[in-house]
Amino acid sequence: MSDLPPYIVPHSQEEIRILYEDADLLLVRKPDLLLSIPGRHPLNKDCLITRLQQDYPTASIVHRLDLDTSGIMIIPLNKPTHAHISRQFQERLVEKCYHAVVFGLVEQDSGEVELPIRCDWENRPLQMIDHEQGKHALTRYEILERLSDRTRLLLKPVTGRSHQLRIHMRELGHPILGCDMYAHQQALEMADRMLLHASFIGFEHPTSGEWLTGECAPDF
């Protein structure tokens, strides 16, 4: 955990890896502790998109990963591609999978968490479960491995609410290890980073119309 004030985020020196490139888009691997877009504070301007724009000036952001989450992202290189992929996200046509390591032993081999989420306005950016005003949120999960005190999961978010995977795993009773926002102290201290990684993405290529997939294995 960083000793920096909360408004100044750590700056990852890890390089962004280009996983796929064509005339319309990139698939890249974002390191953990790197913002997707610039933060408001002047010292939080270093981020994935500003780094990429040094070599790809037309690159833009069409979806995000949290600061603490590593993994694969789609980067459009022109406006038509951005619009096409944005529509796919809005219509929930993009397939996404994450690897996570959570506290304790998850009992069921597979299952789902369906709990509505909204922003906790008094404690932003925290989110909260709200059965009256929250937006529909659904996460499916599969067990990959059970260890003595933790479980490795494959998470498949059907919706894309802010902090959805973190808060759904907490509500399941198995917070993500290293999560400083939703994990209890024991789970927080069991990892030196949040063990959540975007490992797979699939979508329709905006030019060819073919189904394009990208994979990026976690390093934990």
C-alpha atoms as a PDB file:
ATOM      1  CA  MET A   1       0.000   0.000   0.000  1.00  0.00           C
ATOM      2  CA  SER A   2       1.204   3.523  -0.795  1.00  0.00           C
ATOM      3  CA  ASP A   3       1.969   6.246   1.779  1.00  0.00           C
ATOM      4  CA  LEU A   4       0.977   8.941  -0.742  1.00  0.00           C
ATOM      5  CA  PRO A   5      -1.985  11.216   0.087  1.00  0.00           C
ATOM      6  CA  PRO A   6      -5.258   9.722  -1.227  1.00  0.00           C
ATOM      7  CA  TYR A   7      -5.547  12.252  -4.060  1.00  0.00           C
ATOM      8  CA  ILE A   8      -2.163  11.281  -5.521  1.00  0.00           C
ATOM      9  CA  VAL A   9      -2.031   7.777  -6.960  1.00  0.00           C
ATOM     10  CA  PRO A  10       1.087   5.630  -7.307  1.00  0.00           C
ATOM     11  CA  HIS A  11       2.728   5.648 -10.714  1.00  0.00           C
ATOM     12  CA  SER A  12       3.453   2.226 -12.161  1.00  0.00           C
ATOM     13  CA  GLN A  13       6.697   2.113 -14.109  1.00  0.00           C
ATOM     14  CA  GLU A  14       5.709  -1.166 -15.748  1.00  0.00           C
ATOM     15  CA  GLU A  15       5.416  -0.944 -19.518  1.00  0.00           C
ATOM     16  CA  ILE A  16       2.121  -1.224 -21.377  1.00  0.00           C
ATOM     17  CA  ARG A  17       2.226  -4.328 -23.561  1.00  0.00           C
ATOM     18  CA  ILE A  18       0.734  -4.245 -27.053  1.00  0.00           C
ATOM     19  CA  LEU A  19      -1.028  -7.595 -27.528  1.00  0.00           C
ATOM     20  CA  TYR A  20      -2.626  -6.934 -30.940  1.00  0.00           C
ATOM     21  CA  GLU A  21      -2.527  -4.099 -33.446  1.00  0.00           C
ATOM     22  CA  ASP A  22      -4.252  -3.259 -36.727  1.00  0.00           C
ATOM     23  CA  ALA A  23      -5.322  -0.089 -38.511  1.00  0.00           C
ATOM     24  CA  ASP A  24      -8.422   0.325 -36.343  1.00  0.00           C
ATOM     25  CA  LEU A  25      -7.528  -0.704 -32.818  1.00  0.00           C
ATOM     26  CA  LEU A  26      -5.077  -2.017 -30.269  1.00  0.00           C
ATOM     27  CA  LEU A  27      -5.424  -4.662 -27.601  1.00  0.00           C
ATOM     28  CA  VAL A  28      -3.126  -3.752 -24.719  1.00  0.00           C
ATOM     29  CA  ARG A  29      -2.265  -5.007 -21.247  1.00  0.00           C
ATOM     30  CA  LYS A  30      -2.652  -2.332 -18.576  1.00  0.00           C
ATOM     31  CA  PRO A  31      -0.411  -2.744 -15.522  1.00  0.00           C
ATOM     32  CA  ASP A  32      -1.922  -2.456 -12.075  1.00  0.00           C
ATOM     33  CA  LEU A  33      -1.415   0.947 -10.410  1.00  0.00           C
ATOM     34  CA  LEU A  34      -1.820   2.785 -13.713  1.00  0.00           C
ATOM     35  CA  LEU A  35      -4.873   4.946 -14.330  1.00  0.00           C
ATOM     36  CA  SER A  36      -6.819   4.371 -17.556  1.00  0.00           C
ATOM     37  CA  ILE A  37      -7.399   8.111 -18.047  1.00  0.00           C
ATOM     38  CA  PRO A  38      -5.851  11.195 -16.408  1.00  0.00           C
ATOM     39  CA  GLY A  39      -6.961  12.015 -12.882  1.00  0.00           C
ATOM     40  CA  ARG A  40      -8.094  15.481 -11.837  1.00  0.00           C
ATOM     41  CA  HIS A  41      -5.026  16.219  -9.713  1.00  0.00           C
ATOM     42  CA  PRO A  42      -2.073  17.584 -11.753  1.00  0.00           C
ATOM     43  CA  LEU A  43       0.158  14.834 -10.362  1.00  0.00           C
ATOM     44  CA  ASN A  44      -2.249  12.159 -11.643  1.00  0.00           C
ATOM     45  CA  LYS A  45      -1.871  12.914 -15.346  1.00  0.00           C
ATOM     46  CA  ASP A  46       0.286   9.863 -16.077  1.00  0.00           C
ATOM     47  CA  CYS A  47      -2.039   7.150 -17.359  1.00  0.00           C
ATOM     48  CA  LEU A  48      -2.504   4.466 -19.974  1.00  0.00           C
ATOM     49  CA  ILE A  49      -4.035   6.657 -22.675  1.00  0.00           C
ATOM     50  CA  THR A  50      -1.530   9.518 -22.428  1.00  0.00           C
ATOM     51  CA  ARG A  51       1.342   7.038 -22.637  1.00  0.00           C
ATOM     52  CA  LEU A  52      -0.187   5.343 -25.680  1.00  0.00           C
ATOM     53  CA  GLN A  53      -0.896   8.639 -27.433  1.00  0.00           C
ATOM     54  CA  GLN A  54       2.825   9.336 -27.601  1.00  0.00           C
ATOM     55  CA  ASP A  55       3.086   6.606 -30.262  1.00  0.00           C
ATOM     56  CA  TYR A  56      -0.587   6.422 -31.322  1.00  0.00           C
ATOM     57  CA  PRO A  57      -1.871  10.031 -31.356  1.00  0.00           C
ATOM     58  CA  THR A  58      -5.431   9.033 -32.340  1.00  0.00           C
ATOM     59  CA  ALA A  59      -5.823   6.442 -29.576  1.00  0.00           C
ATOM     60  CA  SER A  60      -8.886   6.861 -27.348  1.00  0.00           C
ATOM     61  CA  ILE A  61     -10.544   5.228 -24.347  1.00  0.00           C
ATOM     62  CA  VAL A  62     -13.779   3.293 -24.853  1.00  0.00           C
ATOM     63  CA  HIS A  63     -13.799   1.418 -21.513  1.00  0.00           C
ATOM     64  CA  ARG A  64     -11.729   1.464 -18.341  1.00  0.00           C
ATOM     65  CA  LEU A  65     -10.087  -0.721 -15.758  1.00  0.00           C
ATOM     66  CA  ASP A  66      -9.709   0.468 -12.180  1.00  0.00           C
ATOM     67  CA  LEU A  67      -6.322   1.715 -11.023  1.00  0.00           C
ATOM     68  CA  ASP A  68      -5.673  -1.491  -9.057  1.00  0.00           C
ATOM     69  CA  THR A  69      -6.834  -3.847 -11.828  1.00  0.00           C
ATOM     70  CA  SER A  70      -4.448  -5.136 -14.479  1.00  0.00           C
ATOM     71  CA  GLY A  71      -5.313  -6.721 -17.789  1.00  0.00           C
ATOM     72  CA  ILE A  72      -6.558  -6.434 -21.324  1.00  0.00           C
ATOM     73  CA  MET A  73      -8.193  -3.343 -22.826  1.00  0.00           C
ATOM     74  CA  ILE A  74      -9.477  -2.342 -26.271  1.00  0.00           C
ATOM     75  CA  ILE A  75      -8.041   0.945 -27.601  1.00  0.00           C
ATOM     76  CA  PRO A  76      -9.775   2.406 -30.704  1.00  0.00           C
ATOM     77  CA  LEU A  77      -7.571   4.291 -33.167  1.00  0.00           C
ATOM     78  CA  ASN A  78     -10.304   6.205 -35.009  1.00  0.00           C
ATOM     79  CA  LYS A  79     -13.765   7.636 -34.345  1.00  0.00           C
ATOM     80  CA  PRO A  80     -15.827   5.039 -36.272  1.00  0.00           C
ATOM     81  CA  THR A  81     -14.115   2.232 -34.357  1.00  0.00           C
ATOM     82  CA  HIS A  82     -14.712   4.024 -31.068  1.00  0.00           C
ATOM     83  CA  ALA A  83     -18.417   4.456 -31.852  1.00  0.00           C
ATOM     84  CA  HIS A  84     -18.820   0.829 -32.984  1.00  0.00           C
ATOM     85  CA  ILE A  85     -17.145  -0.665 -29.907  1.00  0.00           C
ATOM     86  CA  SER A  86     -18.905   1.749 -27.562  1.00  0.00           C
ATOM     87  CA  ARG A  87     -22.235   0.526 -28.929  1.00  0.00           C
ATOM     88  CA  GLN A  88     -21.172  -3.080 -28.340  1.00  0.00           C
ATOM     89  CA  PHE A  89     -20.423  -2.275 -24.693  1.00  0.00           C
ATOM     90  CA  GLN A  90     -23.765  -0.495 -24.303  1.00  0.00           C
ATOM     91  CA  GLU A  91     -25.622  -3.470 -25.769  1.00  0.00           C
ATOM     92  CA  ARG A  92     -23.602  -5.946 -23.627  1.00  0.00           C
ATOM     93  CA  LEU A  93     -22.204  -7.713 -26.671  1.00  0.00           C
ATOM     94  CA  VAL A  94     -18.602  -7.639 -25.436  1.00  0.00           C
ATOM     95  CA  GLU A  95     -17.521 -10.808 -23.633  1.00  0.00           C
ATOM     96  CA  LYS A  96     -15.192 -10.261 -20.663  1.00  0.00           C
ATOM     97  CA  CYS A  97     -13.507 -12.615 -18.205  1.00  0.00           C
ATOM     98  CA  TYR A  98     -11.410 -11.824 -15.158  1.00  0.00           C
ATOM     99  CA  HIS A  99      -9.152 -13.879 -12.939  1.00  0.00           C
ATOM    100  CA  ALA A 100      -9.438 -13.169  -9.221  1.00  0.00           C
ATOM    101  CA  VAL A 101      -8.125 -14.660  -6.007  1.00  0.00           C
ATOM    102  CA  VAL A 102     -10.568 -14.305  -3.136  1.00  0.00           C
ATOM    103  CA  PHE A 103     -10.537 -14.880   0.612  1.00  0.00           C
ATOM    104  CA  GLY A 104     -11.537 -18.288   1.923  1.00  0.00           C
ATOM    105  CA  LEU A 105     -12.938 -21.342   0.203  1.00  0.00           C
ATOM    106  CA  VAL A 106     -15.870 -20.754  -2.135  1.00  0.00           C
ATOM    107  CA  GLU A 107     -18.258 -23.656  -1.676  1.00  0.00           C
ATOM    108  CA  GLN A 108     -20.068 -23.909  -5.020  1.00  0.00           C
ATOM    109  CA  ASP A 109     -18.102 -24.822  -8.149  1.00  0.00           C
ATOM    110  CA  SER A 110     -20.016 -22.176 -10.091  1.00  0.00           C
ATOM    111  CA  GLY A 111     -22.715 -19.647  -9.424  1.00  0.00           C
ATOM    112  CA  GLU A 112     -23.775 -16.056  -9.810  1.00  0.00           C
ATOM    113  CA  VAL A 113     -24.245 -12.906  -7.762  1.00  0.00           C
ATOM    114  CA  GLU A 114     -27.154 -10.692  -8.795  1.00  0.00           C
ATOM    115  CA  LEU A 115     -27.326  -7.615  -6.563  1.00  0.00           C
ATOM    116  CA  PRO A 116     -28.125  -4.015  -7.611  1.00  0.00           C
ATOM    117  CA  ILE A 117     -25.390  -1.397  -7.200  1.00  0.00           C
ATOM    118  CA  ARG A 118     -25.323   2.370  -6.871  1.00  0.00           C
ATOM    119  CA  CYS A 119     -22.785   4.965  -5.832  1.00  0.00           C
ATOM    120  CA  ASP A 120     -22.418   5.596  -2.102  1.00  0.00           C
ATOM    121  CA  TRP A 121     -22.543   9.376  -2.541  1.00  0.00           C
ATOM    122  CA  GLU A 122     -21.358  10.165   0.980  1.00  0.00           C
ATOM    123  CA  ASN A 123     -18.319   7.926   0.555  1.00  0.00           C
ATOM    124  CA  ARG A 124     -17.428   8.286  -3.124  1.00  0.00           C
ATOM    125  CA  PRO A 125     -15.958   6.501  -5.023  1.00  0.00           C
ATOM    126  CA  LEU A 126     -17.299   3.579  -2.975  1.00  0.00           C
ATOM    127  CA  GLN A 127     -20.313   1.724  -4.335  1.00  0.00           C
ATOM    128  CA  MET A 128     -23.054   0.058  -2.339  1.00  0.00           C
ATOM    129  CA  ILE A 129     -25.797  -2.536  -2.675  1.00  0.00           C
ATOM    130  CA  ASP A 130     -29.205  -0.852  -2.873  1.00  0.00           C
ATOM    131  CA  HIS A 131     -32.267  -2.969  -3.617  1.00  0.00           C
ATOM    132  CA  GLU A 132     -34.456   0.102  -4.167  1.00  0.00           C
ATOM    133  CA  GLN A 133     -32.317   2.545  -6.161  1.00  0.00           C
ATOM    134  CA  GLY A 134     -29.409   0.409  -7.366  1.00  0.00           C
ATOM    135  CA  LYS A 135     -28.853  -0.573 -10.999  1.00  0.00           C
ATOM    136  CA  HIS A 136     -29.108  -4.213 -12.024  1.00  0.00           C
ATOM    137  CA  ALA A 137     -25.764  -6.022 -11.749  1.00  0.00           C
ATOM    138  CA  LEU A 138     -24.957  -9.654 -12.498  1.00  0.00           C
ATOM    139  CA  THR A 139     -21.673 -11.535 -12.098  1.00  0.00           C
ATOM    140  CA  ARG A 140     -21.155 -15.209 -12.911  1.00  0.00           C
ATOM    141  CA  TYR A 141     -18.237 -17.155 -11.464  1.00  0.00           C
ATOM    142  CA  GLU A 142     -16.446 -20.491 -11.815  1.00  0.00           C
ATOM    143  CA  ILE A 143     -13.933 -22.120  -9.475  1.00  0.00           C
ATOM    144  CA  LEU A 144     -10.476 -22.557 -10.985  1.00  0.00           C
ATOM    145  CA  GLU A 145      -8.611 -23.715  -7.876  1.00  0.00           C
ATOM    146  CA  ARG A 146      -9.123 -23.996  -4.129  1.00  0.00           C
ATOM    147  CA  LEU A 147      -6.093 -23.522  -1.895  1.00  0.00           C
ATOM    148  CA  SER A 148      -5.842 -23.671   1.883  1.00  0.00           C
ATOM    149  CA  ASP A 149      -7.098 -20.167   2.632  1.00  0.00           C
ATOM    150  CA  ARG A 150      -8.132 -18.744  -0.743  1.00  0.00           C
ATOM    151  CA  THR A 151      -9.892 -19.551  -4.005  1.00  0.00           C
ATOM    152  CA  ARG A 152      -8.944 -18.704  -7.573  1.00  0.00           C
ATOM    153  CA  LEU A 153     -12.000 -17.737  -9.619  1.00  0.00           C
ATOM    154  CA  LEU A 154     -12.930 -16.960 -13.192  1.00  0.00           C
ATOM    155  CA  LEU A 155     -15.369 -14.038 -13.093  1.00  0.00           C
ATOM    156  CA  LYS A 156     -17.730 -13.212 -15.954  1.00  0.00           C
ATOM    157  CA  PRO A 157     -19.508  -9.879 -15.485  1.00  0.00           C
ATOM    158  CA  VAL A 158     -22.737  -9.694 -17.481  1.00  0.00           C
ATOM    159  CA  THR A 159     -23.210  -6.036 -16.567  1.00  0.00           C
ATOM    160  CA  GLY A 160     -20.444  -3.476 -16.149  1.00  0.00           C
ATOM    161  CA  ARG A 161     -21.170  -1.469 -13.006  1.00  0.00           C
ATOM    162  CA  SER A 162     -18.411   0.419 -11.246  1.00  0.00           C
ATOM    163  CA  HIS A 163     -16.575  -1.837  -8.759  1.00  0.00           C
ATOM    164  CA  GLN A 164     -19.047  -4.614  -9.591  1.00  0.00           C
ATOM    165  CA  LEU A 165     -16.658  -7.540  -9.184  1.00  0.00           C
ATOM    166  CA  ARG A 166     -15.175  -6.206  -5.962  1.00  0.00           C
ATOM    167  CA  ILE A 167     -18.483  -5.559  -4.227  1.00  0.00           C
ATOM    168  CA  HIS A 168     -20.153  -8.741  -5.516  1.00  0.00           C
ATOM    169  CA  MET A 169     -17.301 -10.882  -4.203  1.00  0.00           C
ATOM    170  CA  ARG A 170     -17.547  -9.134  -0.848  1.00  0.00           C
ATOM    171  CA  GLU A 171     -21.275  -9.813  -0.750  1.00  0.00           C
ATOM    172  CA  LEU A 172     -20.587 -13.468  -1.601  1.00  0.00           C
ATOM    173  CA  GLY A 173     -18.507 -13.538   1.576  1.00  0.00           C
ATOM    174  CA  HIS A 174     -15.195 -13.855  -0.268  1.00  0.00           C
ATOM    175  CA  PRO A 175     -13.588 -10.437  -0.861  1.00  0.00           C
ATOM    176  CA  ILE A 176     -10.812 -10.110  -3.434  1.00  0.00           C
ATOM    177  CA  LEU A 177      -7.394 -10.304  -1.794  1.00  0.00           C
ATOM    178  CA  GLY A 178      -5.552  -6.999  -1.607  1.00  0.00           C
ATOM    179  CA  CYS A 179      -8.662  -4.889  -2.258  1.00  0.00           C
ATOM    180  CA  ASP A 180      -8.294  -1.754  -0.130  1.00  0.00           C
ATOM    181  CA  MET A 181     -11.896  -0.629  -0.689  1.00  0.00           C
ATOM    182  CA  TYR A 182     -14.073  -3.673   0.020  1.00  0.00           C
ATOM    183  CA  ALA A 183     -11.936  -6.350   1.673  1.00  0.00           C
ATOM    184  CA  HIS A 184     -11.655  -6.800   5.421  1.00  0.00           C
ATOM    185  CA  GLN A 185      -8.233  -6.323   7.005  1.00  0.00           C
ATOM    186  CA  GLN A 186      -7.196  -9.969   6.875  1.00  0.00           C
ATOM    187  CA  ALA A 187      -7.995 -10.269   3.157  1.00  0.00           C
ATOM    188  CA  LEU A 188      -6.331  -6.925   2.450  1.00  0.00           C
ATOM    189  CA  GLU A 189      -3.088  -8.048   4.045  1.00  0.00           C
ATOM    190  CA  MET A 190      -2.952 -11.392   2.208  1.00  0.00           C
ATOM    191  CA  ALA A 191      -1.657  -9.795  -1.030  1.00  0.00           C
ATOM    192  CA  ASP A 192       0.572  -6.854  -1.908  1.00  0.00           C
ATOM    193  CA  ARG A 193      -1.776  -5.824  -4.752  1.00  0.00           C
ATOM    194  CA  MET A 194      -5.408  -6.420  -5.601  1.00  0.00           C
ATOM    195  CA  LEU A 195      -5.605  -9.860  -7.191  1.00  0.00           C
ATOM    196  CA  LEU A 196      -7.986  -8.966 -10.027  1.00  0.00           C
ATOM    197  CA  HIS A 197      -6.967  -9.177 -13.671  1.00  0.00           C
ATOM    198  CA  ALA A 198      -8.890  -8.781 -16.940  1.00  0.00           C
ATOM    199  CA  SER A 199      -7.757 -11.898 -18.785  1.00  0.00           C
ATOM    200  CA  PHE A 200     -10.049 -12.205 -21.827  1.00  0.00           C
ATOM    201  CA  ILE A 201     -12.084  -9.983 -24.121  1.00  0.00           C
ATOM    202  CA  GLY A 202     -14.139 -10.836 -27.193  1.00  0.00           C
ATOM    203  CA  PHE A 203     -16.023  -8.521 -29.545  1.00  0.00           C
ATOM    204  CA  GLU A 204     -16.987  -7.921 -33.172  1.00  0.00           C
ATOM    205  CA  HIS A 205     -14.249  -6.234 -35.173  1.00  0.00           C
ATOM    206  CA  PRO A 206     -15.752  -2.951 -36.422  1.00  0.00           C
ATOM    207  CA  THR A 207     -14.324  -3.274 -39.946  1.00  0.00           C
ATOM    208  CA  SER A 208     -14.142  -6.989 -40.748  1.00  0.00           C
ATOM    209  CA  GLY A 209     -17.214  -7.982 -38.742  1.00  0.00           C
ATOM    210  CA  GLU A 210     -15.305 -11.020 -37.475  1.00  0.00           C
ATOM    211  CA  TRP A 211     -15.285 -12.032 -33.796  1.00  0.00           C
ATOM    212  CA  LEU A 212     -11.958 -10.877 -32.354  1.00  0.00           C
ATOM    213  CA  THR A 213     -10.635 -12.215 -29.055  1.00  0.00           C
ATOM    214  CA  GLY A 214      -7.684 -11.333 -26.916  1.00  0.00           C
ATOM    215  CA  GLU A 215      -6.194 -13.151 -23.945  1.00  0.00           C
ATOM    216  CA  CYS A 216      -3.785 -11.999 -21.295  1.00  0.00           C
ATOM    217  CA  ALA A 217      -2.851 -14.352 -18.460  1.00  0.00           C
ATOM    218  CA  PRO A 218      -2.505 -12.931 -14.934  1.00  0.00           C
ATOM    219  CA  ASP A 219       0.915 -12.821 -13.295  1.00  0.00           C
ATOM    220  CA  PHE A 220      -0.429 -13.918  -9.894  1.00  0.00           C
END
